[in-house]
Amino acid sequence: MKTLKGIVLSTKMDKTAVIIVEQIKTHRLYKKRLVRHKKYKVEIESFLVKAGDVVKVVETKPLSKDKYFKVVEVLK
């Protein structure tokens, strides 16, 4: 199972939050560090999260068209 750590951007939807995950990769030839961002929609059933919280999410079966991650714990 895939686990990711991200920052909550929005909680305006019902039982759904939008998080952003930042990945730092190194270019193979030039050795420059590249920062990549990706947004995910995650399920927040019983967690009280707000924008700016750092959360840990885990991959699940598809819950809707765009949602296939679920919040496991709130880190900050």
PDB file of N, CA and C in Angstrom:
ATOM      1  N   MET A   1       0.826  -1.187   0.000  1.00  0.00           N
ATOM      2  CA  MET A   1       0.000   0.000   0.000  1.00  0.00           C
ATOM      3  C   MET A   1       0.867   1.247   0.000  1.00  0.00           C
ATOM      4  N   LYS A   2       0.439   2.222  -0.716  1.00  0.00           N
ATOM      5  CA  LYS A   2       1.167   3.469  -0.839  1.00  0.00           C
ATOM      6  C   LYS A   2       0.753   4.427   0.275  1.00  0.00           C
ATOM      7  N   THR A   3       1.722   4.997   0.976  1.00  0.00           N
ATOM      8  CA  THR A   3       1.428   6.005   1.994  1.00  0.00           C
ATOM      9  C   THR A   3       2.120   7.300   1.607  1.00  0.00           C
ATOM     10  N   LEU A   4       1.418   8.401   1.790  1.00  0.00           N
ATOM     11  CA  LEU A   4       1.937   9.721   1.446  1.00  0.00           C
ATOM     12  C   LEU A   4       1.720  10.675   2.601  1.00  0.00           C
ATOM     13  N   LYS A   5       2.520  11.730   2.633  1.00  0.00           N
ATOM     14  CA  LYS A   5       2.372  12.779   3.636  1.00  0.00           C
ATOM     15  C   LYS A   5       2.161  14.088   2.893  1.00  0.00           C
ATOM     16  N   GLY A   6       1.110  14.825   3.275  1.00  0.00           N
ATOM     17  CA  GLY A   6       0.813  16.055   2.561  1.00  0.00           C
ATOM     18  C   GLY A   6       0.168  17.105   3.447  1.00  0.00           C
ATOM     19  N   ILE A   7      -0.026  18.275   2.875  1.00  0.00           N
ATOM     20  CA  ILE A   7      -0.610  19.416   3.566  1.00  0.00           C
ATOM     21  C   ILE A   7      -2.020  19.631   3.036  1.00  0.00           C
ATOM     22  N   VAL A   8      -2.970  19.842   3.944  1.00  0.00           N
ATOM     23  CA  VAL A   8      -4.370  20.052   3.566  1.00  0.00           C
ATOM     24  C   VAL A   8      -4.520  21.451   2.969  1.00  0.00           C
ATOM     25  N   LEU A   9      -5.116  21.509   1.776  1.00  0.00           N
ATOM     26  CA  LEU A   9      -5.378  22.785   1.120  1.00  0.00           C
ATOM     27  C   LEU A   9      -6.812  23.241   1.336  1.00  0.00           C
ATOM     28  N   SER A  10      -7.762  22.299   1.235  1.00  0.00           N
ATOM     29  CA  SER A  10      -9.163  22.676   1.292  1.00  0.00           C
ATOM     30  C   SER A  10      -9.984  21.564   1.942  1.00  0.00           C
ATOM     31  N   THR A  11     -11.010  21.965   2.720  1.00  0.00           N
ATOM     32  CA  THR A  11     -11.948  21.001   3.299  1.00  0.00           C
ATOM     33  C   THR A  11     -13.383  21.446   3.027  1.00  0.00           C
ATOM     34  N   LYS A  12     -13.624  22.085   1.916  1.00  0.00           N
ATOM     35  CA  LYS A  12     -14.931  22.641   1.608  1.00  0.00           C
ATOM     36  C   LYS A  12     -15.949  21.584   1.174  1.00  0.00           C
ATOM     37  N   MET A  13     -15.485  20.417   0.709  1.00  0.00           N
ATOM     38  CA  MET A  13     -16.399  19.364   0.291  1.00  0.00           C
ATOM     39  C   MET A  13     -16.825  18.522   1.487  1.00  0.00           C
ATOM     40  N   ASP A  14     -17.918  17.812   1.341  1.00  0.00           N
ATOM     41  CA  ASP A  14     -18.439  16.961   2.401  1.00  0.00           C
ATOM     42  C   ASP A  14     -17.639  15.656   2.460  1.00  0.00           C
ATOM     43  N   LYS A  15     -17.005  15.361   3.593  1.00  0.00           N
ATOM     44  CA  LYS A  15     -16.205  14.148   3.839  1.00  0.00           C
ATOM     45  C   LYS A  15     -14.982  14.039   2.931  1.00  0.00           C
ATOM     46  N   THR A  16     -14.565  15.134   2.300  1.00  0.00           N
ATOM     47  CA  THR A  16     -13.441  15.110   1.374  1.00  0.00           C
ATOM     48  C   THR A  16     -12.552  16.318   1.623  1.00  0.00           C
ATOM     49  N   ALA A  17     -11.239  16.083   1.528  1.00  0.00           N
ATOM     50  CA  ALA A  17     -10.265  17.169   1.624  1.00  0.00           C
ATOM     51  C   ALA A  17      -9.336  17.091   0.429  1.00  0.00           C
ATOM     52  N   VAL A  18      -8.743  18.208   0.078  1.00  0.00           N
ATOM     53  CA  VAL A  18      -7.743  18.253  -0.986  1.00  0.00           C
ATOM     54  C   VAL A  18      -6.394  18.472  -0.313  1.00  0.00           C
ATOM     55  N   ILE A  19      -5.436  17.583  -0.614  1.00  0.00           N
ATOM     56  CA  ILE A  19      -4.092  17.737  -0.052  1.00  0.00           C
ATOM     57  C   ILE A  19      -3.101  17.908  -1.194  1.00  0.00           C
ATOM     58  N   ILE A  20      -1.952  18.492  -0.867  1.00  0.00           N
ATOM     59  CA  ILE A  20      -0.871  18.637  -1.838  1.00  0.00           C
ATOM     60  C   ILE A  20       0.339  17.876  -1.309  1.00  0.00           C
ATOM     61  N   VAL A  21       0.931  17.071  -2.186  1.00  0.00           N
ATOM     62  CA  VAL A  21       2.093  16.258  -1.828  1.00  0.00           C
ATOM     63  C   VAL A  21       3.281  16.758  -2.635  1.00  0.00           C
ATOM     64  N   GLU A  22       4.378  17.002  -1.950  1.00  0.00           N
ATOM     65  CA  GLU A  22       5.584  17.527  -2.584  1.00  0.00           C
ATOM     66  C   GLU A  22       6.629  16.413  -2.663  1.00  0.00           C
ATOM     67  N   GLN A  23       7.179  16.195  -3.853  1.00  0.00           N
ATOM     68  CA  GLN A  23       8.224  15.198  -4.044  1.00  0.00           C
ATOM     69  C   GLN A  23       9.457  15.884  -4.608  1.00  0.00           C
ATOM     70  N   ILE A  24      10.616  15.557  -4.062  1.00  0.00           N
ATOM     71  CA  ILE A  24      11.873  16.124  -4.533  1.00  0.00           C
ATOM     72  C   ILE A  24      12.647  15.015  -5.235  1.00  0.00           C
ATOM     73  N   LYS A  25      12.941  15.241  -6.503  1.00  0.00           N
ATOM     74  CA  LYS A  25      13.683  14.264  -7.298  1.00  0.00           C
ATOM     75  C   LYS A  25      14.936  14.932  -7.847  1.00  0.00           C
ATOM     76  N   THR A  26      15.946  14.140  -8.155  1.00  0.00           N
ATOM     77  CA  THR A  26      17.192  14.641  -8.718  1.00  0.00           C
ATOM     78  C   THR A  26      17.239  14.304 -10.205  1.00  0.00           C
ATOM     79  N   HIS A  27      17.595  15.278 -11.017  1.00  0.00           N
ATOM     80  CA  HIS A  27      17.733  15.064 -12.449  1.00  0.00           C
ATOM     81  C   HIS A  27      18.900  14.117 -12.699  1.00  0.00           C
ATOM     82  N   ARG A  28      18.699  13.148 -13.594  1.00  0.00           N
ATOM     83  CA  ARG A  28      19.734  12.134 -13.812  1.00  0.00           C
ATOM     84  C   ARG A  28      21.022  12.696 -14.380  1.00  0.00           C
ATOM     85  N   LEU A  29      20.914  13.609 -15.330  1.00  0.00           N
ATOM     86  CA  LEU A  29      22.107  14.124 -16.000  1.00  0.00           C
ATOM     87  C   LEU A  29      22.702  15.324 -15.282  1.00  0.00           C
ATOM     88  N   TYR A  30      21.876  16.270 -14.920  1.00  0.00           N
ATOM     89  CA  TYR A  30      22.372  17.539 -14.384  1.00  0.00           C
ATOM     90  C   TYR A  30      22.449  17.583 -12.866  1.00  0.00           C
ATOM     91  N   LYS A  31      21.898  16.578 -12.189  1.00  0.00           N
ATOM     92  CA  LYS A  31      21.956  16.453 -10.721  1.00  0.00           C
ATOM     93  C   LYS A  31      21.287  17.620  -9.997  1.00  0.00           C
ATOM     94  N   LYS A  32      20.386  18.293 -10.665  1.00  0.00           N
ATOM     95  CA  LYS A  32      19.658  19.389 -10.030  1.00  0.00           C
ATOM     96  C   LYS A  32      18.419  18.822  -9.341  1.00  0.00           C
ATOM     97  N   ARG A  33      18.098  19.371  -8.172  1.00  0.00           N
ATOM     98  CA  ARG A  33      16.925  18.912  -7.438  1.00  0.00           C
ATOM     99  C   ARG A  33      15.677  19.565  -8.019  1.00  0.00           C
ATOM    100  N   LEU A  34      14.691  18.744  -8.358  1.00  0.00           N
ATOM    101  CA  LEU A  34      13.449  19.220  -8.929  1.00  0.00           C
ATOM    102  C   LEU A  34      12.324  18.966  -7.938  1.00  0.00           C
ATOM    103  N   VAL A  35      11.478  19.957  -7.719  1.00  0.00           N
ATOM    104  CA  VAL A  35      10.356  19.827  -6.795  1.00  0.00           C
ATOM    105  C   VAL A  35       9.091  19.641  -7.613  1.00  0.00           C
ATOM    106  N   ARG A  36       8.370  18.574  -7.340  1.00  0.00           N
ATOM    107  CA  ARG A  36       7.119  18.270  -8.027  1.00  0.00           C
ATOM    108  C   ARG A  36       5.982  18.284  -7.020  1.00  0.00           C
ATOM    109  N   HIS A  37       4.840  18.869  -7.391  1.00  0.00           N
ATOM    110  CA  HIS A  37       3.664  18.946  -6.530  1.00  0.00           C
ATOM    111  C   HIS A  37       2.520  18.194  -7.207  1.00  0.00           C
ATOM    112  N   LYS A  38       1.703  17.514  -6.409  1.00  0.00           N
ATOM    113  CA  LYS A  38       0.520  16.855  -6.940  1.00  0.00           C
ATOM    114  C   LYS A  38      -0.604  16.964  -5.917  1.00  0.00           C
ATOM    115  N   LYS A  39      -1.800  17.237  -6.397  1.00  0.00           N
ATOM    116  CA  LYS A  39      -2.970  17.355  -5.522  1.00  0.00           C
ATOM    117  C   LYS A  39      -3.754  16.044  -5.539  1.00  0.00           C
ATOM    118  N   TYR A  40      -4.240  15.650  -4.373  1.00  0.00           N
ATOM    119  CA  TYR A  40      -5.059  14.457  -4.234  1.00  0.00           C
ATOM    120  C   TYR A  40      -6.319  14.805  -3.454  1.00  0.00           C
ATOM    121  N   LYS A  41      -7.431  14.144  -3.789  1.00  0.00           N
ATOM    122  CA  LYS A  41      -8.643  14.230  -2.983  1.00  0.00           C
ATOM    123  C   LYS A  41      -8.649  13.028  -2.057  1.00  0.00           C
ATOM    124  N   VAL A  42      -8.877  13.282  -0.758  1.00  0.00           N
ATOM    125  CA  VAL A  42      -8.811  12.207   0.226  1.00  0.00           C
ATOM    126  C   VAL A  42     -10.085  12.172   1.064  1.00  0.00           C
ATOM    127  N   GLU A  43     -10.391  10.994   1.586  1.00  0.00           N
ATOM    128  CA  GLU A  43     -11.551  10.772   2.448  1.00  0.00           C
ATOM    129  C   GLU A  43     -11.200  11.150   3.883  1.00  0.00           C
ATOM    130  N   ILE A  44     -12.059  11.955   4.528  1.00  0.00           N
ATOM    131  CA  ILE A  44     -11.840  12.339   5.936  1.00  0.00           C
ATOM    132  C   ILE A  44     -13.102  12.032   6.730  1.00  0.00           C
ATOM    133  N   GLU A  45     -13.377  10.767   6.977  1.00  0.00           N
ATOM    134  CA  GLU A  45     -14.609  10.384   7.658  1.00  0.00           C
ATOM    135  C   GLU A  45     -14.689  10.944   9.075  1.00  0.00           C
ATOM    136  N   SER A  46     -13.807  10.489   9.966  1.00  0.00           N
ATOM    137  CA  SER A  46     -13.938  10.835  11.384  1.00  0.00           C
ATOM    138  C   SER A  46     -12.852  11.790  11.867  1.00  0.00           C
ATOM    139  N   PHE A  47     -12.014  12.283  10.985  1.00  0.00           N
ATOM    140  CA  PHE A  47     -10.930  13.182  11.389  1.00  0.00           C
ATOM    141  C   PHE A  47     -11.374  14.632  11.263  1.00  0.00           C
ATOM    142  N   LEU A  48     -10.980  15.444  12.236  1.00  0.00           N
ATOM    143  CA  LEU A  48     -11.241  16.879  12.170  1.00  0.00           C
ATOM    144  C   LEU A  48      -9.977  17.548  11.654  1.00  0.00           C
ATOM    145  N   VAL A  49      -9.955  17.863  10.383  1.00  0.00           N
ATOM    146  CA  VAL A  49      -8.794  18.511   9.778  1.00  0.00           C
ATOM    147  C   VAL A  49      -9.206  19.867   9.266  1.00  0.00           C
ATOM    148  N   LYS A  50      -8.238  20.768   9.186  1.00  0.00           N
ATOM    149  CA  LYS A  50      -8.474  22.082   8.629  1.00  0.00           C
ATOM    150  C   LYS A  50      -7.307  22.424   7.710  1.00  0.00           C
ATOM    151  N   ALA A  51      -7.452  23.464   6.934  1.00  0.00           N
ATOM    152  CA  ALA A  51      -6.416  23.861   5.986  1.00  0.00           C
ATOM    153  C   ALA A  51      -5.118  24.164   6.730  1.00  0.00           C
ATOM    154  N   GLY A  52      -4.021  23.623   6.235  1.00  0.00           N
ATOM    155  CA  GLY A  52      -2.717  23.830   6.851  1.00  0.00           C
ATOM    156  C   GLY A  52      -2.235  22.650   7.668  1.00  0.00           C
ATOM    157  N   ASP A  53      -3.107  21.699   7.996  1.00  0.00           N
ATOM    158  CA  ASP A  53      -2.691  20.518   8.753  1.00  0.00           C
ATOM    159  C   ASP A  53      -1.849  19.595   7.881  1.00  0.00           C
ATOM    160  N   VAL A  54      -0.903  18.911   8.524  1.00  0.00           N
ATOM    161  CA  VAL A  54      -0.101  17.895   7.843  1.00  0.00           C
ATOM    162  C   VAL A  54      -0.726  16.546   8.169  1.00  0.00           C
ATOM    163  N   VAL A  55      -1.054  15.769   7.130  1.00  0.00           N
ATOM    164  CA  VAL A  55      -1.727  14.491   7.323  1.00  0.00           C
ATOM    165  C   VAL A  55      -0.976  13.376   6.627  1.00  0.00           C
ATOM    166  N   LYS A  56      -1.204  12.162   7.112  1.00  0.00           N
ATOM    167  CA  LYS A  56      -0.653  10.954   6.507  1.00  0.00           C
ATOM    168  C   LYS A  56      -1.825  10.207   5.880  1.00  0.00           C
ATOM    169  N   VAL A  57      -1.705   9.845   4.603  1.00  0.00           N
ATOM    170  CA  VAL A  57      -2.789   9.175   3.890  1.00  0.00           C
ATOM    171  C   VAL A  57      -2.307   7.834   3.357  1.00  0.00           C
ATOM    172  N   VAL A  58      -3.260   6.928   3.169  1.00  0.00           N
ATOM    173  CA  VAL A  58      -2.952   5.601   2.654  1.00  0.00           C
ATOM    174  C   VAL A  58      -3.880   5.309   1.476  1.00  0.00           C
ATOM    175  N   GLU A  59      -3.371   4.553   0.512  1.00  0.00           N
ATOM    176  CA  GLU A  59      -4.130   4.223  -0.689  1.00  0.00           C
ATOM    177  C   GLU A  59      -5.202   3.188  -0.366  1.00  0.00           C
ATOM    178  N   THR A  60      -6.395   3.349  -0.948  1.00  0.00           N
ATOM    179  CA  THR A  60      -7.507   2.417  -0.755  1.00  0.00           C
ATOM    180  C   THR A  60      -8.109   2.077  -2.111  1.00  0.00           C
ATOM    181  N   LYS A  61      -9.162   1.293  -2.071  1.00  0.00           N
ATOM    182  CA  LYS A  61      -9.903   1.042  -3.300  1.00  0.00           C
ATOM    183  C   LYS A  61     -10.574   2.342  -3.732  1.00  0.00           C
ATOM    184  N   PRO A  62     -10.910   2.503  -4.991  1.00  0.00           N
ATOM    185  CA  PRO A  62     -11.534   3.752  -5.423  1.00  0.00           C
ATOM    186  C   PRO A  62     -12.841   4.014  -4.680  1.00  0.00           C
ATOM    187  N   LEU A  63     -12.926   5.180  -4.038  1.00  0.00           N
ATOM    188  CA  LEU A  63     -14.112   5.561  -3.290  1.00  0.00           C
ATOM    189  C   LEU A  63     -15.065   6.396  -4.143  1.00  0.00           C
ATOM    190  N   SER A  64     -14.541   7.050  -5.161  1.00  0.00           N
ATOM    191  CA  SER A  64     -15.344   7.796  -6.131  1.00  0.00           C
ATOM    192  C   SER A  64     -14.491   7.946  -7.395  1.00  0.00           C
ATOM    193  N   LYS A  65     -14.900   8.836  -8.276  1.00  0.00           N
ATOM    194  CA  LYS A  65     -14.157   9.027  -9.520  1.00  0.00           C
ATOM    195  C   LYS A  65     -12.733   9.510  -9.261  1.00  0.00           C
ATOM    196  N   ASP A  66     -12.568  10.435  -8.292  1.00  0.00           N
ATOM    197  CA  ASP A  66     -11.260  11.038  -8.039  1.00  0.00           C
ATOM    198  C   ASP A  66     -10.624  10.609  -6.727  1.00  0.00           C
ATOM    199  N   LYS A  67     -11.383  10.004  -5.819  1.00  0.00           N
ATOM    200  CA  LYS A  67     -10.893   9.712  -4.470  1.00  0.00           C
ATOM    201  C   LYS A  67     -10.423   8.272  -4.353  1.00  0.00           C
ATOM    202  N   TYR A  68      -9.140   8.093  -4.032  1.00  0.00           N
ATOM    203  CA  TYR A  68      -8.619   6.753  -3.754  1.00  0.00           C
ATOM    204  C   TYR A  68      -7.559   6.778  -2.675  1.00  0.00           C
ATOM    205  N   PHE A  69      -7.627   7.762  -1.785  1.00  0.00           N
ATOM    206  CA  PHE A  69      -6.780   7.845  -0.602  1.00  0.00           C
ATOM    207  C   PHE A  69      -7.650   8.141   0.608  1.00  0.00           C
ATOM    208  N   LYS A  70      -7.177   7.710   1.776  1.00  0.00           N
ATOM    209  CA  LYS A  70      -7.912   7.908   3.030  1.00  0.00           C
ATOM    210  C   LYS A  70      -6.952   8.405   4.088  1.00  0.00           C
ATOM    211  N   VAL A  71      -7.372   9.350   4.935  1.00  0.00           N
ATOM    212  CA  VAL A  71      -6.523   9.887   5.989  1.00  0.00           C
ATOM    213  C   VAL A  71      -6.351   8.835   7.079  1.00  0.00           C
ATOM    214  N   VAL A  72      -5.088   8.595   7.474  1.00  0.00           N
ATOM    215  CA  VAL A  72      -4.785   7.634   8.544  1.00  0.00           C
ATOM    216  C   VAL A  72      -4.574   8.372   9.862  1.00  0.00           C
ATOM    217  N   GLU A  73      -3.798   9.476   9.815  1.00  0.00           N
ATOM    218  CA  GLU A  73      -3.572  10.248  11.032  1.00  0.00           C
ATOM    219  C   GLU A  73      -3.238  11.688  10.680  1.00  0.00           C
ATOM    220  N   VAL A  74      -3.479  12.562  11.658  1.00  0.00           N
ATOM    221  CA  VAL A  74      -3.132  13.972  11.525  1.00  0.00           C
ATOM    222  C   VAL A  74      -1.815  14.173  12.263  1.00  0.00           C
ATOM    223  N   LEU A  75      -0.777  14.633  11.558  1.00  0.00           N
ATOM    224  CA  LEU A  75       0.546  14.772  12.159  1.00  0.00           C
ATOM    225  C   LEU A  75       0.714  16.098  12.870  1.00  0.00           C
ATOM    226  N   LYS A  76       0.242  17.198  12.303  1.00  0.00           N
ATOM    227  CA  LYS A  76       0.353  18.521  12.910  1.00  0.00           C
ATOM    228  C   LYS A  76      -0.947  19.261  12.759  1.00  0.00           C
TER     229      LYS A  76
END
